PDB file of N, CA and C in Angstrom:
ATOM      1  N   MET A   1     104.056 104.749 128.190  1.00  0.00           N
ATOM      2  CA  MET A   1     104.185 106.036 128.546  1.00  0.00           C
ATOM      3  C   MET A   1     105.414 106.244 127.554  1.00  0.00           C
ATOM      4  N   ASP A   2     105.069 107.777 126.791  1.00  0.00           N
ATOM      5  CA  ASP A   2     106.001 107.881 125.690  1.00  0.00           C
ATOM      6  C   ASP A   2     107.243 108.668 126.858  1.00  0.00           C
ATOM      7  N   HIS A   3     108.516 108.962 125.762  1.00  0.00           N
ATOM      8  CA  HIS A   3     109.372 109.314 126.363  1.00  0.00           C
ATOM      9  C   HIS A   3     109.515 110.739 126.478  1.00  0.00           C
ATOM     10  N   GLU A   4     108.534 111.143 125.994  1.00  0.00           N
ATOM     11  CA  GLU A   4     108.421 112.987 126.643  1.00  0.00           C
ATOM     12  C   GLU A   4     107.848 112.752 127.937  1.00  0.00           C
ATOM     13  N   SER A   5     106.873 112.358 128.249  1.00  0.00           N
ATOM     14  CA  SER A   5     106.107 112.157 129.580  1.00  0.00           C
ATOM     15  C   SER A   5     107.449 111.342 130.474  1.00  0.00           C
ATOM     16  N   MET A   6     108.289 110.370 130.456  1.00  0.00           N
ATOM     17  CA  MET A   6     109.084 110.011 131.485  1.00  0.00           C
ATOM     18  C   MET A   6     110.086 110.730 131.696  1.00  0.00           C
ATOM     19  N   GLU A   7     110.595 111.870 130.408  1.00  0.00           N
ATOM     20  CA  GLU A   7     111.755 113.074 130.795  1.00  0.00           C
ATOM     21  C   GLU A   7     110.830 114.038 131.686  1.00  0.00           C
ATOM     22  N   LEU A   8     109.979 114.157 131.508  1.00  0.00           N
ATOM     23  CA  LEU A   8     109.300 115.199 132.455  1.00  0.00           C
ATOM     24  C   LEU A   8     108.982 114.895 133.734  1.00  0.00           C
ATOM     25  N   VAL A   9     108.623 113.864 133.753  1.00  0.00           N
ATOM     26  CA  VAL A   9     108.442 113.039 135.679  1.00  0.00           C
ATOM     27  C   VAL A   9     109.730 112.843 136.046  1.00  0.00           C
ATOM     28  N   LEU A  10     110.781 112.333 135.543  1.00  0.00           N
ATOM     29  CA  LEU A  10     112.265 112.220 135.976  1.00  0.00           C
ATOM     30  C   LEU A  10     112.810 113.677 136.600  1.00  0.00           C
ATOM     31  N   SER A  11     112.210 114.610 135.727  1.00  0.00           N
ATOM     32  CA  SER A  11     113.224 115.764 135.941  1.00  0.00           C
ATOM     33  C   SER A  11     111.812 116.820 137.263  1.00  0.00           C
ATOM     34  N   GLN A  12     110.680 116.608 137.014  1.00  0.00           N
ATOM     35  CA  GLN A  12     109.797 117.162 137.574  1.00  0.00           C
ATOM     36  C   GLN A  12     110.195 116.503 139.551  1.00  0.00           C
ATOM     37  N   PHE A  13     110.649 115.369 139.247  1.00  0.00           N
ATOM     38  CA  PHE A  13     110.555 114.441 140.426  1.00  0.00           C
ATOM     39  C   PHE A  13     112.057 114.254 141.395  1.00  0.00           C
ATOM     40  N   ASP A  14     112.636 114.896 140.155  1.00  0.00           N
ATOM     41  CA  ASP A  14     114.386 114.646 140.244  1.00  0.00           C
ATOM     42  C   ASP A  14     114.671 113.149 140.955  1.00  0.00           C
ATOM     43  N   GLN A  15     114.630 112.421 139.514  1.00  0.00           N
ATOM     44  CA  GLN A  15     114.686 110.934 139.712  1.00  0.00           C
ATOM     45  C   GLN A  15     115.726 110.706 138.667  1.00  0.00           C
ATOM     46  N   ALA A  16     116.508 109.549 138.658  1.00  0.00           N
ATOM     47  CA  ALA A  16     117.299 109.101 138.057  1.00  0.00           C
ATOM     48  C   ALA A  16     116.739 108.041 136.420  1.00  0.00           C
ATOM     49  N   GLU A  17     117.166 107.975 135.373  1.00  0.00           N
ATOM     50  CA  GLU A  17     116.744 107.203 134.675  1.00  0.00           C
ATOM     51  C   GLU A  17     116.789 105.607 134.901  1.00  0.00           C
ATOM     52  N   ILE A  18     115.646 105.072 134.738  1.00  0.00           N
ATOM     53  CA  ILE A  18     115.821 103.505 134.903  1.00  0.00           C
ATOM     54  C   ILE A  18     116.477 102.698 134.072  1.00  0.00           C
ATOM     55  N   PHE A  19     116.239 102.991 132.475  1.00  0.00           N
ATOM     56  CA  PHE A  19     116.461 102.388 131.652  1.00  0.00           C
ATOM     57  C   PHE A  19     117.624 102.714 131.071  1.00  0.00           C
ATOM     58  N   ASP A  20     118.864 101.967 130.336  1.00  0.00           N
ATOM     59  CA  ASP A  20     120.151 102.148 129.809  1.00  0.00           C
ATOM     60  C   ASP A  20     119.800 103.279 128.883  1.00  0.00           C
ATOM     61  N   LYS A  21     118.981 102.906 127.954  1.00  0.00           N
ATOM     62  CA  LYS A  21     118.651 103.412 126.745  1.00  0.00           C
ATOM     63  C   LYS A  21     117.392 104.259 126.954  1.00  0.00           C
ATOM     64  N   LYS A  22     117.207 105.567 125.792  1.00  0.00           N
ATOM     65  CA  LYS A  22     116.054 106.061 125.502  1.00  0.00           C
ATOM     66  C   LYS A  22     115.283 105.500 124.670  1.00  0.00           C
ATOM     67  N   TYR A  23     113.907 105.294 124.805  1.00  0.00           N
ATOM     68  CA  TYR A  23     113.040 104.796 123.725  1.00  0.00           C
ATOM     69  C   TYR A  23     112.221 105.729 123.511  1.00  0.00           C
ATOM     70  N   PRO A  24     111.205 105.540 122.242  1.00  0.00           N
ATOM     71  CA  PRO A  24     109.973 106.408 121.788  1.00  0.00           C
ATOM     72  C   PRO A  24     109.047 106.132 123.037  1.00  0.00           C
ATOM     73  N   TYR A  25     108.584 104.983 123.752  1.00  0.00           N
ATOM     74  CA  TYR A  25     107.631 104.386 124.452  1.00  0.00           C
ATOM     75  C   TYR A  25     108.309 103.315 125.108  1.00  0.00           C
ATOM     76  N   TYR A  26     107.285 103.211 126.356  1.00  0.00           N
ATOM     77  CA  TYR A  26     107.747 102.430 127.286  1.00  0.00           C
ATOM     78  C   TYR A  26     106.530 101.577 128.059  1.00  0.00           C
ATOM     79  N   LYS A  27     106.374 100.244 127.768  1.00  0.00           N
ATOM     80  CA  LYS A  27     105.238  99.795 128.031  1.00  0.00           C
ATOM     81  C   LYS A  27     105.508  98.699 129.662  1.00  0.00           C
ATOM     82  N   ILE A  28     104.545  99.482 130.677  1.00  0.00           N
ATOM     83  CA  ILE A  28     104.673  98.984 132.109  1.00  0.00           C
ATOM     84  C   ILE A  28     103.390  97.453 132.135  1.00  0.00           C
ATOM     85  N   ILE A  29     103.732  96.574 132.366  1.00  0.00           N
ATOM     86  CA  ILE A  29     103.111  95.595 132.396  1.00  0.00           C
ATOM     87  C   ILE A  29     102.911  94.963 133.829  1.00  0.00           C
ATOM     88  N   GLU A  30     101.625  94.676 134.657  1.00  0.00           N
ATOM     89  CA  GLU A  30     101.788  94.399 136.016  1.00  0.00           C
ATOM     90  C   GLU A  30     101.116  93.138 136.119  1.00  0.00           C
ATOM     91  N   VAL A  31     101.745  92.454 136.815  1.00  0.00           N
ATOM     92  CA  VAL A  31     101.290  91.317 136.981  1.00  0.00           C
ATOM     93  C   VAL A  31     100.782  90.725 138.575  1.00  0.00           C
ATOM     94  N   ALA A  32      99.560  90.499 138.557  1.00  0.00           N
ATOM     95  CA  ALA A  32      99.655  90.064 140.107  1.00  0.00           C
ATOM     96  C   ALA A  32     100.052  88.259 140.421  1.00  0.00           C
ATOM     97  N   SER A  33     100.003  87.967 141.650  1.00  0.00           N
ATOM     98  CA  SER A  33     100.141  86.733 141.880  1.00  0.00           C
ATOM     99  C   SER A  33      99.524  86.209 143.106  1.00  0.00           C
ATOM    100  N   ASN A  34      99.744  85.148 143.613  1.00  0.00           N
ATOM    101  CA  ASN A  34      99.023  84.623 144.845  1.00  0.00           C
ATOM    102  C   ASN A  34     100.144  84.755 145.762  1.00  0.00           C
ATOM    103  N   ASN A  35     101.069  85.146 145.561  1.00  0.00           N
ATOM    104  CA  ASN A  35     102.427  85.172 146.372  1.00  0.00           C
ATOM    105  C   ASN A  35     102.704  84.259 147.300  1.00  0.00           C
ATOM    106  N   ASP A  36     102.582  83.084 146.435  1.00  0.00           N
ATOM    107  CA  ASP A  36     103.332  81.769 147.395  1.00  0.00           C
ATOM    108  C   ASP A  36     104.673  81.512 146.251  1.00  0.00           C
ATOM    109  N   PRO A  37     105.665  81.625 147.331  1.00  0.00           N
ATOM    110  CA  PRO A  37     107.024  81.384 146.616  1.00  0.00           C
ATOM    111  C   PRO A  37     107.458  80.847 145.515  1.00  0.00           C
ATOM    112  N   GLU A  38     106.654  79.827 146.005  1.00  0.00           N
ATOM    113  CA  GLU A  38     106.956  78.591 145.123  1.00  0.00           C
ATOM    114  C   GLU A  38     106.402  78.494 143.282  1.00  0.00           C
ATOM    115  N   VAL A  39     105.546  79.480 143.317  1.00  0.00           N
ATOM    116  CA  VAL A  39     104.937  80.008 142.194  1.00  0.00           C
ATOM    117  C   VAL A  39     105.502  81.628 141.357  1.00  0.00           C
ATOM    118  N   VAL A  40     106.052  82.331 142.586  1.00  0.00           N
ATOM    119  CA  VAL A  40     105.954  83.389 141.726  1.00  0.00           C
ATOM    120  C   VAL A  40     107.351  83.809 140.688  1.00  0.00           C
ATOM    121  N   SER A  41     108.538  82.879 140.813  1.00  0.00           N
ATOM    122  CA  SER A  41     109.357  82.325 139.873  1.00  0.00           C
ATOM    123  C   SER A  41     108.816  81.688 138.930  1.00  0.00           C
ATOM    124  N   GLU A  42     108.032  80.679 139.032  1.00  0.00           N
ATOM    125  CA  GLU A  42     107.032  80.150 137.352  1.00  0.00           C
ATOM    126  C   GLU A  42     106.606  81.613 137.068  1.00  0.00           C
ATOM    127  N   ASP A  43     105.572  82.040 137.577  1.00  0.00           N
ATOM    128  CA  ASP A  43     104.721  83.301 136.897  1.00  0.00           C
ATOM    129  C   ASP A  43     105.789  83.924 136.390  1.00  0.00           C
ATOM    130  N   SER A  44     107.103  84.173 136.815  1.00  0.00           N
ATOM    131  CA  SER A  44     107.902  85.018 136.400  1.00  0.00           C
ATOM    132  C   SER A  44     108.297  85.182 135.074  1.00  0.00           C
ATOM    133  N   GLU A  45     108.564  83.644 135.013  1.00  0.00           N
ATOM    134  CA  GLU A  45     109.110  83.143 133.909  1.00  0.00           C
ATOM    135  C   GLU A  45     108.280  82.711 132.676  1.00  0.00           C
ATOM    136  N   ARG A  46     107.295  82.573 132.891  1.00  0.00           N
ATOM    137  CA  ARG A  46     106.241  82.530 131.602  1.00  0.00           C
ATOM    138  C   ARG A  46     105.855  83.494 131.550  1.00  0.00           C
ATOM    139  N   LEU A  47     105.901  84.860 132.389  1.00  0.00           N
ATOM    140  CA  LEU A  47     105.560  86.281 131.765  1.00  0.00           C
ATOM    141  C   LEU A  47     106.441  86.611 131.033  1.00  0.00           C
ATOM    142  N   LEU A  48     107.632  86.137 130.971  1.00  0.00           N
ATOM    143  CA  LEU A  48     108.780  86.444 130.412  1.00  0.00           C
ATOM    144  C   LEU A  48     108.854  86.097 128.991  1.00  0.00           C
ATOM    145  N   ASP A  49     108.806  84.559 128.673  1.00  0.00           N
ATOM    146  CA  ASP A  49     108.774  83.546 127.734  1.00  0.00           C
ATOM    147  C   ASP A  49     107.517  84.335 126.756  1.00  0.00           C
ATOM    148  N   PHE A  50     106.053  84.860 127.700  1.00  0.00           N
ATOM    149  CA  PHE A  50     105.145  85.160 126.719  1.00  0.00           C
ATOM    150  C   PHE A  50     105.567  86.978 126.277  1.00  0.00           C
ATOM    151  N   ILE A  51     105.932  87.347 127.098  1.00  0.00           N
ATOM    152  CA  ILE A  51     106.449  88.640 126.719  1.00  0.00           C
ATOM    153  C   ILE A  51     107.391  88.498 125.094  1.00  0.00           C
ATOM    154  N   GLY A  52     108.650  88.139 125.526  1.00  0.00           N
ATOM    155  CA  GLY A  52     109.553  87.747 124.196  1.00  0.00           C
ATOM    156  C   GLY A  52     108.945  87.144 122.870  1.00  0.00           C
ATOM    157  N   GLY A  53     107.891  86.383 123.438  1.00  0.00           N
ATOM    158  CA  GLY A  53     106.899  85.513 122.065  1.00  0.00           C
ATOM    159  C   GLY A  53     105.855  86.935 121.527  1.00  0.00           C
ATOM    160  N   VAL A  54     105.228  87.835 121.973  1.00  0.00           N
ATOM    161  CA  VAL A  54     104.521  88.672 121.346  1.00  0.00           C
ATOM    162  C   VAL A  54     105.056  90.241 121.335  1.00  0.00           C
ATOM    163  N   LEU A  55     106.214  90.556 121.968  1.00  0.00           N
ATOM    164  CA  LEU A  55     106.323  91.973 121.681  1.00  0.00           C
ATOM    165  C   LEU A  55     107.973  91.910 121.143  1.00  0.00           C
ATOM    166  N   ASP A  56     108.526  92.890 120.709  1.00  0.00           N
ATOM    167  CA  ASP A  56     109.979  92.995 120.755  1.00  0.00           C
ATOM    168  C   ASP A  56     110.696  93.865 121.637  1.00  0.00           C
ATOM    169  N   PRO A  57     110.789  93.035 122.862  1.00  0.00           N
ATOM    170  CA  PRO A  57     111.422  93.466 123.934  1.00  0.00           C
ATOM    171  C   PRO A  57     113.002  93.663 123.646  1.00  0.00           C
ATOM    172  N   ARG A  58     113.070  95.322 123.743  1.00  0.00           N
ATOM    173  CA  ARG A  58     114.613  96.173 123.336  1.00  0.00           C
ATOM    174  C   ARG A  58     115.113  95.779 124.695  1.00  0.00           C
ATOM    175  N   ASP A  59     114.594  95.816 125.458  1.00  0.00           N
ATOM    176  CA  ASP A  59     115.325  96.583 127.071  1.00  0.00           C
ATOM    177  C   ASP A  59     114.088  96.273 128.145  1.00  0.00           C
ATOM    178  N   ALA A  60     114.169  95.482 129.148  1.00  0.00           N
ATOM    179  CA  ALA A  60     113.102  95.418 130.272  1.00  0.00           C
ATOM    180  C   ALA A  60     113.719  95.299 131.596  1.00  0.00           C
ATOM    181  N   ILE A  61     112.969  95.684 132.420  1.00  0.00           N
ATOM    182  CA  ILE A  61     113.312  95.770 133.733  1.00  0.00           C
ATOM    183  C   ILE A  61     112.334  94.747 134.257  1.00  0.00           C
ATOM    184  N   VAL A  62     112.695  93.865 135.028  1.00  0.00           N
ATOM    185  CA  VAL A  62     111.892  92.838 136.017  1.00  0.00           C
ATOM    186  C   VAL A  62     112.141  93.353 137.489  1.00  0.00           C
ATOM    187  N   PRO A  63     111.153  94.146 138.207  1.00  0.00           N
ATOM    188  CA  PRO A  63     111.519  94.430 139.411  1.00  0.00           C
ATOM    189  C   PRO A  63     111.991  93.442 140.063  1.00  0.00           C
ATOM    190  N   ARG A  64     112.695  93.848 141.377  1.00  0.00           N
ATOM    191  CA  ARG A  64     113.236  92.706 142.308  1.00  0.00           C
ATOM    192  C   ARG A  64     112.734  93.477 143.728  1.00  0.00           C
ATOM    193  N   GLY A  65     111.301  92.696 143.718  1.00  0.00           N
ATOM    194  CA  GLY A  65     110.716  93.405 145.389  1.00  0.00           C
ATOM    195  C   GLY A  65     109.879  94.417 145.036  1.00  0.00           C
ATOM    196  N   GLU A  66     109.243  94.863 146.064  1.00  0.00           N
ATOM    197  CA  GLU A  66     108.130  96.020 145.925  1.00  0.00           C
ATOM    198  C   GLU A  66     108.375  97.091 145.532  1.00  0.00           C
ATOM    199  N   ALA A  67     109.606  97.743 146.447  1.00  0.00           N
ATOM    200  CA  ALA A  67     109.742  98.843 146.567  1.00  0.00           C
ATOM    201  C   ALA A  67     110.620  99.406 145.127  1.00  0.00           C
ATOM    202  N   GLN A  68     110.914  98.482 144.294  1.00  0.00           N
ATOM    203  CA  GLN A  68     111.296  98.939 142.768  1.00  0.00           C
ATOM    204  C   GLN A  68     110.142  99.148 141.715  1.00  0.00           C
ATOM    205  N   ALA A  69     108.925  97.746 142.170  1.00  0.00           N
ATOM    206  CA  ALA A  69     107.893  97.806 141.643  1.00  0.00           C
ATOM    207  C   ALA A  69     107.298  99.215 141.705  1.00  0.00           C
ATOM    208  N   LYS A  70     107.254  99.368 142.972  1.00  0.00           N
ATOM    209  CA  LYS A  70     106.471 100.603 143.251  1.00  0.00           C
ATOM    210  C   LYS A  70     107.208 102.231 142.529  1.00  0.00           C
ATOM    211  N   LYS A  71     108.405 101.943 142.594  1.00  0.00           N
ATOM    212  CA  LYS A  71     109.177 102.979 141.934  1.00  0.00           C
ATOM    213  C   LYS A  71     109.069 103.419 140.144  1.00  0.00           C
ATOM    214  N   ILE A  72     108.769 102.078 139.319  1.00  0.00           N
ATOM    215  CA  ILE A  72     108.305 102.041 138.397  1.00  0.00           C
ATOM    216  C   ILE A  72     107.241 102.177 137.851  1.00  0.00           C
ATOM    217  N   TRP A  73     106.126 101.623 138.645  1.00  0.00           N
ATOM    218  CA  TRP A  73     104.616 102.242 138.668  1.00  0.00           C
ATOM    219  C   TRP A  73     104.675 103.481 138.910  1.00  0.00           C
ATOM    220  N   ASP A  74     104.972 104.289 140.004  1.00  0.00           N
ATOM    221  CA  ASP A  74     105.215 105.835 140.582  1.00  0.00           C
ATOM    222  C   ASP A  74     105.078 106.970 138.797  1.00  0.00           C
ATOM    223  N   LEU A  75     106.595 106.184 138.239  1.00  0.00           N
ATOM    224  CA  LEU A  75     106.508 106.802 137.197  1.00  0.00           C
ATOM    225  C   LEU A  75     105.406 107.342 136.345  1.00  0.00           C
ATOM    226  N   ARG A  76     104.943 105.940 136.059  1.00  0.00           N
ATOM    227  CA  ARG A  76     103.422 106.186 135.153  1.00  0.00           C
ATOM    228  C   ARG A  76     102.157 106.712 135.948  1.00  0.00           C
ATOM    229  N   GLU A  77     102.310 106.830 137.222  1.00  0.00           N
ATOM    230  CA  GLU A  77     101.099 107.744 137.874  1.00  0.00           C
ATOM    231  C   GLU A  77     101.571 109.263 138.198  1.00  0.00           C
ATOM    232  N   ASN A  78     102.774 109.212 137.882  1.00  0.00           N
ATOM    233  CA  ASN A  78     103.080 111.155 138.115  1.00  0.00           C
ATOM    234  C   ASN A  78     103.142 111.601 136.925  1.00  0.00           C
ATOM    235  N   ILE A  79     102.968 111.026 135.784  1.00  0.00           N
ATOM    236  CA  ILE A  79     102.659 111.856 134.648  1.00  0.00           C
ATOM    237  C   ILE A  79     101.725 112.756 134.543  1.00  0.00           C
ATOM    238  N   ALA A  80     100.734 112.645 135.370  1.00  0.00           N
ATOM    239  CA  ALA A  80      99.443 114.095 135.363  1.00  0.00           C
ATOM    240  C   ALA A  80      99.997 114.864 136.094  1.00  0.00           C
ATOM    241  N   ASN A  81     100.553 114.479 137.168  1.00  0.00           N
ATOM    242  CA  ASN A  81     101.295 115.523 138.278  1.00  0.00           C
ATOM    243  C   ASN A  81     102.213 116.037 137.669  1.00  0.00           C
ATOM    244  N   ALA A  82     103.034 115.788 136.680  1.00  0.00           N
ATOM    245  CA  ALA A  82     104.137 116.332 136.193  1.00  0.00           C
ATOM    246  C   ALA A  82     103.590 117.287 135.317  1.00  0.00           C
ATOM    247  N   ASN A  83     102.888 116.499 134.517  1.00  0.00           N
ATOM    248  CA  ASN A  83     102.323 117.699 133.124  1.00  0.00           C
ATOM    249  C   ASN A  83     101.794 119.098 134.353  1.00  0.00           C
ATOM    250  N   ILE A  84     101.143 118.734 135.059  1.00  0.00           N
ATOM    251  CA  ILE A  84      99.969 120.071 135.530  1.00  0.00           C
ATOM    252  C   ILE A  84     100.773 121.187 135.608  1.00  0.00           C
ATOM    253  N   SER A  85     102.694 121.371 136.083  1.00  0.00           N
ATOM    254  CA  SER A  85     102.880 121.944 136.283  1.00  0.00           C
ATOM    255  C   SER A  85     103.328 123.277 135.155  1.00  0.00           C
ATOM    256  N   TYR A  86     103.228 122.384 133.476  1.00  0.00           N
ATOM    257  CA  TYR A  86     102.933 123.083 132.514  1.00  0.00           C
ATOM    258  C   TYR A  86     101.361 123.875 132.149  1.00  0.00           C
ATOM    259  N   GLY A  87     100.347 123.410 133.143  1.00  0.00           N
ATOM    260  CA  GLY A  87      99.014 124.158 133.028  1.00  0.00           C
ATOM    261  C   GLY A  87      98.478 122.878 132.407  1.00  0.00           C
ATOM    262  N   TYR A  88      98.510 122.028 131.610  1.00  0.00           N
ATOM    263  CA  TYR A  88      97.625 121.290 130.960  1.00  0.00           C
ATOM    264  C   TYR A  88      97.926 119.437 131.790  1.00  0.00           C
ATOM    265  N   CYS A  89      97.307 118.804 131.423  1.00  0.00           N
ATOM    266  CA  CYS A  89      97.595 117.299 131.588  1.00  0.00           C
ATOM    267  C   CYS A  89      96.444 116.648 130.565  1.00  0.00           C
ATOM    268  N   LEU A  90      97.734 115.624 130.064  1.00  0.00           N
ATOM    269  CA  LEU A  90      97.106 114.449 129.370  1.00  0.00           C
ATOM    270  C   LEU A  90      97.473 112.826 129.810  1.00  0.00           C
ATOM    271  N   LYS A  91      96.346 112.736 129.558  1.00  0.00           N
ATOM    272  CA  LYS A  91      96.461 110.995 130.153  1.00  0.00           C
ATOM    273  C   LYS A  91      96.051 110.144 128.693  1.00  0.00           C
ATOM    274  N   TYR A  92      96.592 108.940 129.091  1.00  0.00           N
ATOM    275  CA  TYR A  92      96.802 108.274 128.034  1.00  0.00           C
ATOM    276  C   TYR A  92      96.376 106.755 128.540  1.00  0.00           C
ATOM    277  N   ASP A  93      96.044 106.850 129.354  1.00  0.00           N
ATOM    278  CA  ASP A  93      95.103 105.440 130.091  1.00  0.00           C
ATOM    279  C   ASP A  93      94.235 104.837 129.133  1.00  0.00           C
ATOM    280  N   ILE A  94      94.500 104.538 128.271  1.00  0.00           N
ATOM    281  CA  ILE A  94      93.845 103.653 127.450  1.00  0.00           C
ATOM    282  C   ILE A  94      94.220 102.430 127.078  1.00  0.00           C
ATOM    283  N   SER A  95      93.105 101.806 126.452  1.00  0.00           N
ATOM    284  CA  SER A  95      93.794 100.137 125.926  1.00  0.00           C
ATOM    285  C   SER A  95      93.443 100.139 124.360  1.00  0.00           C
ATOM    286  N   LEU A  96      94.582 100.058 123.756  1.00  0.00           N
ATOM    287  CA  LEU A  96      94.626  99.639 122.230  1.00  0.00           C
ATOM    288  C   LEU A  96      95.525  99.024 121.787  1.00  0.00           C
ATOM    289  N   LYS A  97      96.225  98.809 120.520  1.00  0.00           N
ATOM    290  CA  LYS A  97      97.140  97.911 120.135  1.00  0.00           C
ATOM    291  C   LYS A  97      98.109  98.718 120.326  1.00  0.00           C
ATOM    292  N   SER A  98      98.965  97.824 120.149  1.00  0.00           N
ATOM    293  CA  SER A  98     100.291  98.691 120.482  1.00  0.00           C
ATOM    294  C   SER A  98     100.951  99.719 119.150  1.00  0.00           C
ATOM    295  N   GLN A  99     100.827  99.053 117.691  1.00  0.00           N
ATOM    296  CA  GLN A  99     101.002  99.752 116.770  1.00  0.00           C
ATOM    297  C   GLN A  99      99.829 101.054 116.681  1.00  0.00           C
ATOM    298  N   ASP A 100      98.904 101.382 117.553  1.00  0.00           N
ATOM    299  CA  ASP A 100      97.909 102.350 117.419  1.00  0.00           C
ATOM    300  C   ASP A 100      98.596 103.245 118.111  1.00  0.00           C
ATOM    301  N   PHE A 101      99.402 103.496 119.344  1.00  0.00           N
ATOM    302  CA  PHE A 101      99.764 104.125 120.133  1.00  0.00           C
ATOM    303  C   PHE A 101     100.481 105.353 119.734  1.00  0.00           C
ATOM    304  N   ASP A 102     101.358 105.236 118.709  1.00  0.00           N
ATOM    305  CA  ASP A 102     101.935 106.047 118.425  1.00  0.00           C
ATOM    306  C   ASP A 102     100.618 107.295 117.398  1.00  0.00           C
ATOM    307  N   ARG A 103     100.547 106.842 116.812  1.00  0.00           N
ATOM    308  CA  ARG A 103      99.163 107.386 116.346  1.00  0.00           C
ATOM    309  C   ARG A 103      98.578 108.637 117.230  1.00  0.00           C
ATOM    310  N   ILE A 104      98.143 107.601 117.973  1.00  0.00           N
ATOM    311  CA  ILE A 104      97.157 108.789 119.117  1.00  0.00           C
ATOM    312  C   ILE A 104      97.981 109.860 119.882  1.00  0.00           C
ATOM    313  N   VAL A 105      98.949 109.329 120.176  1.00  0.00           N
ATOM    314  CA  VAL A 105      99.992 110.698 120.948  1.00  0.00           C
ATOM    315  C   VAL A 105     100.258 111.717 119.910  1.00  0.00           C
ATOM    316  N   GLN A 106     101.041 111.105 118.796  1.00  0.00           N
ATOM    317  CA  GLN A 106     100.976 112.255 117.647  1.00  0.00           C
ATOM    318  C   GLN A 106      99.567 113.140 117.395  1.00  0.00           C
ATOM    319  N   GLU A 107      98.548 112.525 117.310  1.00  0.00           N
ATOM    320  CA  GLU A 107      97.291 113.704 116.721  1.00  0.00           C
ATOM    321  C   GLU A 107      97.156 114.311 118.308  1.00  0.00           C
ATOM    322  N   THR A 108      97.274 113.724 119.456  1.00  0.00           N
ATOM    323  CA  THR A 108      96.716 114.664 120.645  1.00  0.00           C
ATOM    324  C   THR A 108      97.735 115.825 120.496  1.00  0.00           C
ATOM    325  N   ARG A 109      99.090 115.400 120.617  1.00  0.00           N
ATOM    326  CA  ARG A 109     100.013 116.823 120.352  1.00  0.00           C
ATOM    327  C   ARG A 109      99.632 117.459 118.921  1.00  0.00           C
ATOM    328  N   GLN A 110      99.070 117.443 118.446  1.00  0.00           N
ATOM    329  CA  GLN A 110      99.011 118.437 117.065  1.00  0.00           C
ATOM    330  C   GLN A 110      97.653 119.049 117.673  1.00  0.00           C
ATOM    331  N   VAL A 111      96.815 118.717 118.702  1.00  0.00           N
ATOM    332  CA  VAL A 111      95.690 119.274 119.014  1.00  0.00           C
ATOM    333  C   VAL A 111      96.160 120.634 119.975  1.00  0.00           C
ATOM    334  N   ILE A 112      97.068 119.810 120.563  1.00  0.00           N
ATOM    335  CA  ILE A 112      97.320 120.992 121.739  1.00  0.00           C
ATOM    336  C   ILE A 112      98.468 121.977 121.582  1.00  0.00           C
TER     337      ILE A 112
END
């Protein structure tokens, strides 16, 4: 999710910032678990170790419960609804390498 999309969703849906700092892009990673309480914490630790090894996380939020996870996921899901008020809708629901994301965003902005 790019920063402009995040700002638009927050303003259109009257929501507060969830990160302490602003970044050009935000990554939302969803992980499913078997909900076994003994495994969930282990899964979370493995995920955080993995993310730290493959990404350069500058800031991160690990949801504490379903309500917070839903709030974060709703930010992503509401991008289209927030854009409709401006007469267009852009969707970046694509899979690509992180280093290519900025290029696709910039090229899309040039077209519109």
